Amino acid sequence: MKKIIAIAGATGNLGSKIVNALLAKEVEVRAIVRLETDIKKNKGIRTKRC
């Protein structure tokens, strides 16, 4: 069974590190962010399209 992990606050300092660490381990991640979040903050998060 494939697990998906949701990370709230994924664009924050700690959240982005958690997302990147999980992606490095080939874990499927969903980032939860506020609509008001500055799109530039996403640059610290690695992205991988499934």
PDB file of N, CA and C in Angstrom:
ATOM      1  N   MET A   1       0.846  -1.179   0.000  1.00  0.00           N
ATOM      2  CA  MET A   1       0.000   0.000   0.000  1.00  0.00           C
ATOM      3  C   MET A   1       0.887   1.236   0.000  1.00  0.00           C
ATOM      4  N   LYS A   2       0.628   2.114  -0.939  1.00  0.00           N
ATOM      5  CA  LYS A   2       1.400   3.343  -1.055  1.00  0.00           C
ATOM      6  C   LYS A   2       0.832   4.387  -0.097  1.00  0.00           C
ATOM      7  N   LYS A   3       1.707   5.003   0.682  1.00  0.00           N
ATOM      8  CA  LYS A   3       1.264   6.018   1.636  1.00  0.00           C
ATOM      9  C   LYS A   3       1.594   7.400   1.106  1.00  0.00           C
ATOM     10  N   ILE A   4       0.690   8.330   1.366  1.00  0.00           N
ATOM     11  CA  ILE A   4       0.889   9.728   1.016  1.00  0.00           C
ATOM     12  C   ILE A   4       0.903  10.509   2.319  1.00  0.00           C
ATOM     13  N   ILE A   5       1.901  11.367   2.482  1.00  0.00           N
ATOM     14  CA  ILE A   5       2.015  12.169   3.697  1.00  0.00           C
ATOM     15  C   ILE A   5       1.696  13.618   3.357  1.00  0.00           C
ATOM     16  N   ALA A   6       0.803  14.215   4.138  1.00  0.00           N
ATOM     17  CA  ALA A   6       0.455  15.623   3.966  1.00  0.00           C
ATOM     18  C   ALA A   6       1.239  16.451   4.984  1.00  0.00           C
ATOM     19  N   ILE A   7       1.850  17.516   4.506  1.00  0.00           N
ATOM     20  CA  ILE A   7       2.627  18.400   5.370  1.00  0.00           C
ATOM     21  C   ILE A   7       1.982  19.777   5.378  1.00  0.00           C
ATOM     22  N   ALA A   8       1.511  20.190   6.542  1.00  0.00           N
ATOM     23  CA  ALA A   8       0.959  21.540   6.693  1.00  0.00           C
ATOM     24  C   ALA A   8       2.115  22.501   6.932  1.00  0.00           C
ATOM     25  N   GLY A   9       2.027  23.685   6.357  1.00  0.00           N
ATOM     26  CA  GLY A   9       3.095  24.666   6.527  1.00  0.00           C
ATOM     27  C   GLY A   9       4.325  24.311   5.713  1.00  0.00           C
ATOM     28  N   ALA A  10       4.118  23.710   4.562  1.00  0.00           N
ATOM     29  CA  ALA A  10       5.217  23.192   3.753  1.00  0.00           C
ATOM     30  C   ALA A  10       6.155  24.271   3.213  1.00  0.00           C
ATOM     31  N   THR A  11       5.727  25.519   3.171  1.00  0.00           N
ATOM     32  CA  THR A  11       6.606  26.576   2.667  1.00  0.00           C
ATOM     33  C   THR A  11       7.408  27.238   3.778  1.00  0.00           C
ATOM     34  N   GLY A  12       7.159  26.840   5.002  1.00  0.00           N
ATOM     35  CA  GLY A  12       7.903  27.401   6.120  1.00  0.00           C
ATOM     36  C   GLY A  12       9.300  26.816   6.216  1.00  0.00           C
ATOM     37  N   ASN A  13      10.081  27.327   7.123  1.00  0.00           N
ATOM     38  CA  ASN A  13      11.466  26.886   7.292  1.00  0.00           C
ATOM     39  C   ASN A  13      11.550  25.399   7.599  1.00  0.00           C
ATOM     40  N   LEU A  14      10.850  24.954   8.595  1.00  0.00           N
ATOM     41  CA  LEU A  14      10.892  23.539   8.983  1.00  0.00           C
ATOM     42  C   LEU A  14      10.108  22.667   8.004  1.00  0.00           C
ATOM     43  N   GLY A  15       8.945  23.136   7.585  1.00  0.00           N
ATOM     44  CA  GLY A  15       8.102  22.366   6.678  1.00  0.00           C
ATOM     45  C   GLY A  15       8.791  22.031   5.376  1.00  0.00           C
ATOM     46  N   SER A  16       9.521  22.991   4.806  1.00  0.00           N
ATOM     47  CA  SER A  16      10.206  22.734   3.529  1.00  0.00           C
ATOM     48  C   SER A  16      11.323  21.704   3.700  1.00  0.00           C
ATOM     49  N   LYS A  17      11.976  21.710   4.852  1.00  0.00           N
ATOM     50  CA  LYS A  17      13.018  20.714   5.112  1.00  0.00           C
ATOM     51  C   LYS A  17      12.418  19.317   5.253  1.00  0.00           C
ATOM     52  N   ILE A  18      11.278  19.242   5.891  1.00  0.00           N
ATOM     53  CA  ILE A  18      10.596  17.957   6.044  1.00  0.00           C
ATOM     54  C   ILE A  18      10.153  17.432   4.681  1.00  0.00           C
ATOM     55  N   VAL A  19       9.557  18.302   3.868  1.00  0.00           N
ATOM     56  CA  VAL A  19       9.118  17.895   2.535  1.00  0.00           C
ATOM     57  C   VAL A  19      10.297  17.374   1.718  1.00  0.00           C
ATOM     58  N   ASN A  20      11.384  18.111   1.693  1.00  0.00           N
ATOM     59  CA  ASN A  20      12.549  17.694   0.908  1.00  0.00           C
ATOM     60  C   ASN A  20      13.149  16.387   1.411  1.00  0.00           C
ATOM     61  N   ALA A  21      13.168  16.190   2.726  1.00  0.00           N
ATOM     62  CA  ALA A  21      13.699  14.948   3.286  1.00  0.00           C
ATOM     63  C   ALA A  21      12.825  13.757   2.896  1.00  0.00           C
ATOM     64  N   LEU A  22      11.516  13.944   2.934  1.00  0.00           N
ATOM     65  CA  LEU A  22      10.610  12.862   2.548  1.00  0.00           C
ATOM     66  C   LEU A  22      10.722  12.558   1.060  1.00  0.00           C
ATOM     67  N   LEU A  23      10.818  13.595   0.227  1.00  0.00           N
ATOM     68  CA  LEU A  23      10.969  13.376  -1.213  1.00  0.00           C
ATOM     69  C   LEU A  23      12.274  12.651  -1.539  1.00  0.00           C
ATOM     70  N   ALA A  24      13.320  12.944  -0.776  1.00  0.00           N
ATOM     71  CA  ALA A  24      14.600  12.261  -0.988  1.00  0.00           C
ATOM     72  C   ALA A  24      14.490  10.767  -0.695  1.00  0.00           C
ATOM     73  N   LYS A  25      13.534  10.402   0.166  1.00  0.00           N
ATOM     74  CA  LYS A  25      13.314   8.992   0.502  1.00  0.00           C
ATOM     75  C   LYS A  25      12.219   8.370  -0.359  1.00  0.00           C
ATOM     76  N   GLU A  26      11.854   9.075  -1.449  1.00  0.00           N
ATOM     77  CA  GLU A  26      10.849   8.571  -2.399  1.00  0.00           C
ATOM     78  C   GLU A  26       9.452   8.446  -1.797  1.00  0.00           C
ATOM     79  N   VAL A  27       9.148   9.251  -0.762  1.00  0.00           N
ATOM     80  CA  VAL A  27       7.818   9.258  -0.158  1.00  0.00           C
ATOM     81  C   VAL A  27       6.949  10.238  -0.935  1.00  0.00           C
ATOM     82  N   GLU A  28       5.697   9.860  -1.174  1.00  0.00           N
ATOM     83  CA  GLU A  28       4.782  10.760  -1.864  1.00  0.00           C
ATOM     84  C   GLU A  28       4.251  11.779  -0.858  1.00  0.00           C
ATOM     85  N   VAL A  29       4.376  13.065  -1.193  1.00  0.00           N
ATOM     86  CA  VAL A  29       4.047  14.149  -0.271  1.00  0.00           C
ATOM     87  C   VAL A  29       3.036  15.091  -0.898  1.00  0.00           C
ATOM     88  N   ARG A  30       2.134  15.591  -0.079  1.00  0.00           N
ATOM     89  CA  ARG A  30       1.214  16.647  -0.481  1.00  0.00           C
ATOM     90  C   ARG A  30       1.488  17.844   0.429  1.00  0.00           C
ATOM     91  N   ALA A  31       1.758  18.976  -0.182  1.00  0.00           N
ATOM     92  CA  ALA A  31       2.057  20.189   0.580  1.00  0.00           C
ATOM     93  C   ALA A  31       0.772  20.981   0.794  1.00  0.00           C
ATOM     94  N   ILE A  32       0.519  21.362   2.020  1.00  0.00           N
ATOM     95  CA  ILE A  32      -0.651  22.173   2.354  1.00  0.00           C
ATOM     96  C   ILE A  32      -0.155  23.578   2.690  1.00  0.00           C
ATOM     97  N   VAL A  33      -0.631  24.563   1.925  1.00  0.00           N
ATOM     98  CA  VAL A  33      -0.212  25.949   2.131  1.00  0.00           C
ATOM     99  C   VAL A  33      -1.428  26.867   2.112  1.00  0.00           C
ATOM    100  N   ARG A  34      -1.279  28.037   2.697  1.00  0.00           N
ATOM    101  CA  ARG A  34      -2.347  29.029   2.674  1.00  0.00           C
ATOM    102  C   ARG A  34      -2.428  29.691   1.303  1.00  0.00           C
ATOM    103  N   LEU A  35      -3.592  30.115   0.924  1.00  0.00           N
ATOM    104  CA  LEU A  35      -3.762  30.817  -0.343  1.00  0.00           C
ATOM    105  C   LEU A  35      -2.938  32.096  -0.386  1.00  0.00           C
ATOM    106  N   GLU A  36      -2.729  32.713   0.764  1.00  0.00           N
ATOM    107  CA  GLU A  36      -1.994  33.977   0.833  1.00  0.00           C
ATOM    108  C   GLU A  36      -0.480  33.800   0.763  1.00  0.00           C
ATOM    109  N   THR A  37      -0.013  32.568   0.752  1.00  0.00           N
ATOM    110  CA  THR A  37       1.425  32.304   0.764  1.00  0.00           C
ATOM    111  C   THR A  37       2.085  32.859  -0.493  1.00  0.00           C
ATOM    112  N   ASP A  38       3.192  33.536  -0.300  1.00  0.00           N
ATOM    113  CA  ASP A  38       3.957  34.092  -1.409  1.00  0.00           C
ATOM    114  C   ASP A  38       4.536  32.954  -2.242  1.00  0.00           C
ATOM    115  N   ILE A  39       4.264  32.957  -3.522  1.00  0.00           N
ATOM    116  CA  ILE A  39       4.712  31.884  -4.412  1.00  0.00           C
ATOM    117  C   ILE A  39       6.235  31.737  -4.407  1.00  0.00           C
ATOM    118  N   LYS A  40       6.952  32.805  -4.119  1.00  0.00           N
ATOM    119  CA  LYS A  40       8.418  32.762  -4.085  1.00  0.00           C
ATOM    120  C   LYS A  40       8.932  31.859  -2.971  1.00  0.00           C
ATOM    121  N   LYS A  41       8.124  31.647  -1.936  1.00  0.00           N
ATOM    122  CA  LYS A  41       8.547  30.788  -0.834  1.00  0.00           C
ATOM    123  C   LYS A  41       8.619  29.324  -1.250  1.00  0.00           C
ATOM    124  N   ASN A  42       7.994  28.982  -2.353  1.00  0.00           N
ATOM    125  CA  ASN A  42       7.999  27.600  -2.818  1.00  0.00           C
ATOM    126  C   ASN A  42       9.319  27.202  -3.444  1.00  0.00           C
ATOM    127  N   LYS A  43      10.196  28.156  -3.690  1.00  0.00           N
ATOM    128  CA  LYS A  43      11.453  27.831  -4.367  1.00  0.00           C
ATOM    129  C   LYS A  43      12.338  26.887  -3.547  1.00  0.00           C
ATOM    130  N   GLY A  44      12.154  26.847  -2.227  1.00  0.00           N
ATOM    131  CA  GLY A  44      12.957  25.971  -1.384  1.00  0.00           C
ATOM    132  C   GLY A  44      12.474  24.531  -1.372  1.00  0.00           C
ATOM    133  N   ILE A  45      11.332  24.291  -1.999  1.00  0.00           N
ATOM    134  CA  ILE A  45      10.761  22.952  -2.004  1.00  0.00           C
ATOM    135  C   ILE A  45      11.020  22.287  -3.346  1.00  0.00           C
ATOM    136  N   ARG A  46      11.604  21.133  -3.266  1.00  0.00           N
ATOM    137  CA  ARG A  46      11.819  20.339  -4.469  1.00  0.00           C
ATOM    138  C   ARG A  46      10.465  19.829  -4.954  1.00  0.00           C
ATOM    139  N   THR A  47      10.277  19.790  -6.236  1.00  0.00           N
ATOM    140  CA  THR A  47       9.008  19.280  -6.744  1.00  0.00           C
ATOM    141  C   THR A  47       9.245  18.067  -7.614  1.00  0.00           C
ATOM    142  N   LYS A  48       8.324  17.170  -7.546  1.00  0.00           N
ATOM    143  CA  LYS A  48       8.380  15.962  -8.353  1.00  0.00           C
ATOM    144  C   LYS A  48       6.948  15.665  -8.791  1.00  0.00           C
ATOM    145  N   ARG A  49       6.739  15.615 -10.067  1.00  0.00           N
ATOM    146  CA  ARG A  49       5.407  15.331 -10.609  1.00  0.00           C
ATOM    147  C   ARG A  49       5.196  13.825 -10.663  1.00  0.00           C
ATOM    148  N   CYS A  50       4.043  13.386 -10.213  1.00  0.00           N
ATOM    149  CA  CYS A  50       3.726  11.952 -10.241  1.00  0.00           C
ATOM    150  C   CYS A  50       2.989  11.606 -11.511  1.00  0.00           C
TER     151      CYS A  50
END
